[in-house]
Amino acid sequence: MQEVLKTNNPVELSFAEAVLKDAGIASFTFDTNMSVMEGGVVILPRRLMVADEHVNRAKAVLAEAFAADARFP
């Protein structure tokens, strides 16, 4: 598994998950339960992970979806 997105923005994370799902790429969110440790404040970023074989395609799909976002080369 490799990280394709790291964010503390729940809307951005949800959008990215939906985009990948529509593209047929399974994704998994890591660090979701860290909010318990931080007291419910969204400080610690969540990581969106995909299988190694889907990393390049996932990054391309996300780059197109986020259009001007410089984090996706």
C-alpha atoms as a PDB file:
ATOM      1  CA  MET A   1       0.000   0.000   0.000  1.00  0.00           C
ATOM      2  CA  GLN A   2       1.144   3.496  -0.773  1.00  0.00           C
ATOM      3  CA  GLU A   3      -0.121   6.918   0.198  1.00  0.00           C
ATOM      4  CA  VAL A   4      -1.775   8.981  -2.532  1.00  0.00           C
ATOM      5  CA  LEU A   5      -3.238  11.730  -0.345  1.00  0.00           C
ATOM      6  CA  LYS A   6      -2.517  13.102   3.112  1.00  0.00           C
ATOM      7  CA  THR A   7      -4.990  15.657   4.431  1.00  0.00           C
ATOM      8  CA  ASN A   8      -6.793  16.821   7.528  1.00  0.00           C
ATOM      9  CA  ASN A   9      -9.669  18.142   5.412  1.00  0.00           C
ATOM     10  CA  PRO A  10     -12.533  15.610   5.685  1.00  0.00           C
ATOM     11  CA  VAL A  11     -14.302  17.024   2.624  1.00  0.00           C
ATOM     12  CA  GLU A  12     -11.195  16.677   0.460  1.00  0.00           C
ATOM     13  CA  LEU A  13     -10.667  13.150   1.738  1.00  0.00           C
ATOM     14  CA  SER A  14     -14.257  12.152   1.033  1.00  0.00           C
ATOM     15  CA  PHE A  15     -14.052  13.642  -2.467  1.00  0.00           C
ATOM     16  CA  ALA A  16     -10.828  11.762  -3.208  1.00  0.00           C
ATOM     17  CA  GLU A  17     -12.342   8.490  -1.963  1.00  0.00           C
ATOM     18  CA  ALA A  18     -15.368   8.987  -4.222  1.00  0.00           C
ATOM     19  CA  VAL A  19     -13.195   9.830  -7.234  1.00  0.00           C
ATOM     20  CA  LEU A  20     -11.105   6.702  -6.751  1.00  0.00           C
ATOM     21  CA  LYS A  21     -14.185   4.550  -6.209  1.00  0.00           C
ATOM     22  CA  ASP A  22     -15.709   5.849  -9.444  1.00  0.00           C
ATOM     23  CA  ALA A  23     -12.453   4.950 -11.210  1.00  0.00           C
ATOM     24  CA  GLY A  24     -12.649   1.409  -9.815  1.00  0.00           C
ATOM     25  CA  ILE A  25      -9.678   1.856  -7.483  1.00  0.00           C
ATOM     26  CA  ALA A  26     -10.068   0.566  -3.940  1.00  0.00           C
ATOM     27  CA  SER A  27      -8.738   2.948  -1.304  1.00  0.00           C
ATOM     28  CA  PHE A  28      -8.290   2.769   2.429  1.00  0.00           C
ATOM     29  CA  THR A  29      -8.104   5.597   4.944  1.00  0.00           C
ATOM     30  CA  PHE A  30      -5.408   5.294   7.579  1.00  0.00           C
ATOM     31  CA  ASP A  31      -5.229   7.268  10.830  1.00  0.00           C
ATOM     32  CA  THR A  32      -8.996   7.824  11.007  1.00  0.00           C
ATOM     33  CA  ASN A  33      -9.137   6.944  14.679  1.00  0.00           C
ATOM     34  CA  MET A  34      -6.358   9.348  15.598  1.00  0.00           C
ATOM     35  CA  SER A  35      -9.102  11.912  16.290  1.00  0.00           C
ATOM     36  CA  VAL A  36      -9.768  10.025  19.529  1.00  0.00           C
ATOM     37  CA  MET A  37      -6.238  10.821  20.648  1.00  0.00           C
ATOM     38  CA  GLU A  38      -6.410  14.450  19.544  1.00  0.00           C
ATOM     39  CA  GLY A  39      -9.720  15.093  21.257  1.00  0.00           C
ATOM     40  CA  GLY A  40     -11.897  15.261  18.149  1.00  0.00           C
ATOM     41  CA  VAL A  41     -10.069  18.241  16.659  1.00  0.00           C
ATOM     42  CA  VAL A  42      -9.034  17.585  13.076  1.00  0.00           C
ATOM     43  CA  ILE A  43      -5.330  18.332  13.495  1.00  0.00           C
ATOM     44  CA  LEU A  44      -3.678  15.081  12.500  1.00  0.00           C
ATOM     45  CA  PRO A  45      -3.929  14.295   8.793  1.00  0.00           C
ATOM     46  CA  ARG A  46      -5.525  11.145   7.465  1.00  0.00           C
ATOM     47  CA  ARG A  47      -3.764   9.144   4.755  1.00  0.00           C
ATOM     48  CA  LEU A  48      -5.543   7.760   1.718  1.00  0.00           C
ATOM     49  CA  MET A  49      -3.827   4.575   0.611  1.00  0.00           C
ATOM     50  CA  VAL A  50      -4.102   2.380  -2.482  1.00  0.00           C
ATOM     51  CA  ALA A  51      -2.524  -0.909  -3.504  1.00  0.00           C
ATOM     52  CA  ASP A  52       0.959  -0.618  -4.990  1.00  0.00           C
ATOM     53  CA  GLU A  53      -0.199  -1.618  -8.457  1.00  0.00           C
ATOM     54  CA  HIS A  54      -2.759   1.220  -8.566  1.00  0.00           C
ATOM     55  CA  VAL A  55      -0.577   4.092  -7.314  1.00  0.00           C
ATOM     56  CA  ASN A  56       0.247   5.680 -10.669  1.00  0.00           C
ATOM     57  CA  ARG A  57      -3.312   5.465 -11.968  1.00  0.00           C
ATOM     58  CA  ALA A  58      -4.727   6.743  -8.657  1.00  0.00           C
ATOM     59  CA  LYS A  59      -2.390   9.741  -8.684  1.00  0.00           C
ATOM     60  CA  ALA A  60      -3.363  10.518 -12.277  1.00  0.00           C
ATOM     61  CA  VAL A  61      -7.076  10.267 -11.503  1.00  0.00           C
ATOM     62  CA  LEU A  62      -6.703  12.488  -8.440  1.00  0.00           C
ATOM     63  CA  ALA A  63      -4.557  14.985 -10.357  1.00  0.00           C
ATOM     64  CA  GLU A  64      -7.321  15.367 -12.918  1.00  0.00           C
ATOM     65  CA  ALA A  65     -10.008  15.632 -10.237  1.00  0.00           C
ATOM     66  CA  PHE A  66      -8.132  18.213  -8.201  1.00  0.00           C
ATOM     67  CA  ALA A  67      -6.963  19.976 -11.425  1.00  0.00           C
ATOM     68  CA  ALA A  68      -4.785  22.800 -10.032  1.00  0.00           C
ATOM     69  CA  ASP A  69      -3.538  21.051  -6.889  1.00  0.00           C
ATOM     70  CA  ALA A  70       0.266  21.003  -7.009  1.00  0.00           C
ATOM     71  CA  ARG A  71       0.569  17.923  -4.742  1.00  0.00           C
ATOM     72  CA  PHE A  72      -0.242  15.616  -7.665  1.00  0.00           C
ATOM     73  CA  PRO A  73       2.488  15.830 -10.321  1.00  0.00           C
END
